[in-house]
Amino acid sequence: MKTLKLIAAGIILLVTSTTTQAQVSLNVNVGAPPAWGPAGYSNIDYYFIPDVQSYYDIRNSQFIYYGNGKWIRSRNLPQQYRGYDLYNGYKVVLNDYHGRTPYVHYKSHKAKYYKGYKGKPQKSIGYKNNNKKVVYKNNYNSGNKHSGNNNSKHGNEKGNGKKH
């Protein structure tokens, strides 16, 4: 009888630890910033993209934009902006908002961050080179200077997919 209790306790412990490990690995992957996001930021939920007047929800990997009289959440940009280069476009990091509806501040965001707005220079977390994602080898933080070999997206424009 004692052996059966030990076996049952062992099975319960094994099932519980397996479930906990699965939850941890799932949570690690959810809400990761996209490769085209600006480097050097943590604990943010949204970007505002002035050129397309849209938000990007990092946790849900969704764009939020206004269309047909309502705010729409989608994995893709609206049709008219599908060709927009997210790697080279400016992203405003909304580090002061953590709710579910960043568009409640849309009027002020639109006025302050108009189409064509460029703030401080940004480096993306990664960049595209010949349609492949390449992650920076250095961990850039805002304001850091780098010297020597420039492997950033600005250092080698060859093969970036642009037509000359």
Protein backbone atom coordinates (compact mmCIF):
# COMPACT_ATOMS: atom_id res chain seq x y z
CA MET A 1 0.00 0.00 0.00
CA LYS A 2 2.85 2.36 0.86
CA THR A 3 4.43 1.68 -2.56
CA LEU A 4 1.20 2.59 -4.37
CA LYS A 5 1.03 5.92 -2.51
CA LEU A 6 4.63 6.71 -3.46
CA ILE A 7 3.99 5.86 -7.12
CA ALA A 8 0.81 8.01 -7.17
CA ALA A 9 2.65 10.92 -5.54
CA GLY A 10 5.47 10.58 -8.08
CA ILE A 11 3.04 10.64 -11.01
CA ILE A 12 1.27 13.72 -9.65
CA LEU A 13 4.60 15.47 -9.14
CA LEU A 14 5.74 14.57 -12.67
CA VAL A 15 2.51 15.80 -14.28
CA THR A 16 2.57 19.03 -12.27
CA SER A 17 6.20 19.85 -13.15
CA THR A 18 5.61 19.06 -16.86
CA THR A 19 2.60 21.40 -16.95
CA THR A 20 4.56 24.17 -15.22
CA GLN A 21 7.44 23.85 -17.67
CA ALA A 22 5.08 24.01 -20.64
CA GLN A 23 3.49 27.19 -19.30
CA VAL A 24 6.87 28.86 -18.79
CA SER A 25 8.09 28.13 -22.31
CA LEU A 26 4.82 29.38 -23.79
CA ASN A 27 4.98 32.65 -21.87
CA VAL A 28 8.56 33.31 -22.97
CA ASN A 29 7.57 33.41 -26.65
CA VAL A 30 4.40 35.47 -26.32
CA GLY A 31 4.79 39.23 -26.72
CA ALA A 32 8.29 39.31 -28.16
CA PRO A 33 9.00 42.54 -30.07
CA PRO A 34 9.20 42.14 -33.85
CA ALA A 35 12.60 42.19 -35.59
CA TRP A 36 11.66 45.55 -37.16
CA GLY A 37 11.02 47.09 -33.70
CA PRO A 38 13.45 49.67 -32.33
CA ALA A 39 16.31 48.23 -30.25
CA GLY A 40 17.06 49.24 -26.68
CA TYR A 41 13.60 49.17 -25.10
CA SER A 42 11.94 46.80 -22.67
CA ASN A 43 8.60 46.58 -20.89
CA ILE A 44 6.63 48.29 -23.64
CA ASP A 45 3.33 47.22 -25.14
CA TYR A 46 2.82 49.46 -28.18
CA TYR A 47 4.49 51.35 -30.99
CA PHE A 48 2.83 54.16 -32.90
CA ILE A 49 3.83 54.20 -36.58
CA PRO A 50 3.35 57.79 -37.82
CA ASP A 51 3.68 57.09 -41.56
CA VAL A 52 0.73 54.70 -41.52
CA GLN A 53 -1.09 56.30 -38.56
CA SER A 54 -1.34 52.89 -36.89
CA TYR A 55 -0.39 51.22 -33.63
CA TYR A 56 1.38 47.92 -33.15
CA ASP A 57 0.41 45.76 -30.16
CA ILE A 58 3.56 43.86 -29.18
CA ARG A 59 1.85 41.37 -26.85
CA ASN A 60 -0.70 40.27 -29.45
CA SER A 61 1.46 40.83 -32.57
CA GLN A 62 -1.28 42.94 -34.13
CA PHE A 63 -1.58 46.25 -35.92
CA ILE A 64 -4.37 48.54 -34.75
CA TYR A 65 -5.72 51.03 -37.27
CA TYR A 66 -8.87 53.00 -37.97
CA GLY A 67 -11.01 51.86 -40.88
CA ASN A 68 -14.69 51.70 -41.81
CA GLY A 69 -15.63 53.83 -38.78
CA LYS A 70 -13.96 51.63 -36.14
CA TRP A 71 -10.58 50.52 -34.78
CA ILE A 72 -9.45 47.26 -36.35
CA ARG A 73 -6.91 44.76 -35.02
CA SER A 74 -5.09 42.72 -37.67
CA ARG A 75 -1.88 40.76 -38.19
CA ASN A 76 -1.33 42.89 -41.32
CA LEU A 77 -1.27 46.58 -42.10
CA PRO A 78 -4.25 47.98 -44.03
CA GLN A 79 -4.19 47.13 -47.74
CA GLN A 80 -2.94 50.57 -48.83
CA TYR A 81 0.16 50.20 -46.58
CA ARG A 82 1.07 46.53 -47.21
CA GLY A 83 4.25 47.58 -49.05
CA TYR A 84 5.40 49.87 -46.22
CA ASP A 85 8.96 49.13 -45.03
CA LEU A 86 8.64 48.58 -41.28
CA TYR A 87 12.40 48.17 -40.87
CA ASN A 88 13.19 51.65 -42.18
CA GLY A 89 10.03 53.47 -41.03
CA TYR A 90 10.04 55.37 -37.75
CA LYS A 91 8.35 53.80 -34.73
CA VAL A 92 7.33 55.86 -31.71
CA VAL A 93 7.76 53.79 -28.56
CA LEU A 94 4.77 54.32 -26.27
CA ASN A 95 6.47 53.57 -22.96
CA ASP A 96 3.86 55.41 -20.91
CA TYR A 97 0.78 53.35 -21.91
CA HIS A 98 0.00 49.76 -20.92
CA GLY A 99 -3.78 49.46 -21.41
CA ARG A 100 -5.75 47.76 -24.20
CA THR A 101 -6.77 50.81 -26.24
CA PRO A 102 -3.82 53.07 -27.12
CA TYR A 103 -6.02 54.81 -29.70
CA VAL A 104 -7.78 56.75 -26.92
CA HIS A 105 -4.76 59.07 -27.32
CA TYR A 106 -4.88 59.03 -31.13
CA LYS A 107 -5.64 62.74 -31.56
CA SER A 108 -2.56 63.77 -29.59
CA HIS A 109 -0.38 61.05 -31.19
CA LYS A 110 -1.50 62.09 -34.67
CA ALA A 111 -0.75 65.77 -33.96
CA LYS A 112 2.60 65.15 -32.25
CA TYR A 113 3.77 62.30 -34.53
CA TYR A 114 2.55 63.34 -37.97
CA LYS A 115 3.17 61.40 -41.19
CA GLY A 116 6.86 61.75 -42.00
CA TYR A 117 7.82 62.32 -38.33
CA LYS A 118 11.39 61.35 -37.44
CA GLY A 119 12.62 61.52 -33.86
CA LYS A 120 15.95 60.32 -32.53
CA PRO A 121 17.75 57.87 -34.84
CA GLN A 122 16.64 54.27 -34.34
CA LYS A 123 18.23 50.92 -34.92
CA SER A 124 15.97 47.94 -35.48
CA ILE A 125 16.30 44.82 -33.36
CA GLY A 126 17.11 43.02 -36.62
CA TYR A 127 17.16 43.84 -40.31
CA LYS A 128 16.35 42.21 -43.62
CA ASN A 129 19.11 41.27 -46.00
CA ASN A 130 18.11 39.41 -49.18
CA ASN A 131 14.70 38.66 -47.62
CA LYS A 132 16.27 36.90 -44.60
CA LYS A 133 16.08 38.18 -41.05
CA VAL A 134 19.50 38.89 -39.60
CA VAL A 135 19.77 39.79 -35.94
CA TYR A 136 22.35 42.32 -34.79
CA LYS A 137 25.33 40.81 -33.06
CA ASN A 138 25.63 43.80 -30.73
CA ASN A 139 22.95 44.75 -28.23
CA TYR A 140 22.28 48.38 -29.10
CA ASN A 141 20.70 50.65 -26.55
CA SER A 142 19.39 54.06 -27.41
CA GLY A 143 22.23 56.55 -27.38
CA ASN A 144 25.06 54.01 -27.75
CA LYS A 145 27.79 54.78 -30.26
CA HIS A 146 29.49 51.98 -32.10
CA SER A 147 32.83 52.02 -33.77
CA GLY A 148 34.90 49.87 -36.05
CA ASN A 149 32.98 47.40 -38.20
CA ASN A 150 29.55 48.81 -38.88
CA ASN A 151 27.18 45.88 -39.31
CA SER A 152 24.02 47.93 -38.90
CA LYS A 153 21.40 48.23 -41.61
CA HIS A 154 22.88 51.62 -42.52
CA GLY A 155 26.44 50.33 -42.93
CA ASN A 156 25.85 47.97 -45.81
CA GLU A 157 22.99 48.88 -48.09
CA LYS A 158 23.83 46.11 -50.57
CA GLY A 159 21.13 43.49 -50.90
CA ASN A 160 18.50 45.28 -48.83
CA GLY A 161 15.75 44.59 -51.34
CA LYS A 162 15.54 48.17 -52.61
CA LYS A 163 15.41 48.72 -56.34
CA HIS A 164 17.86 51.25 -57.68
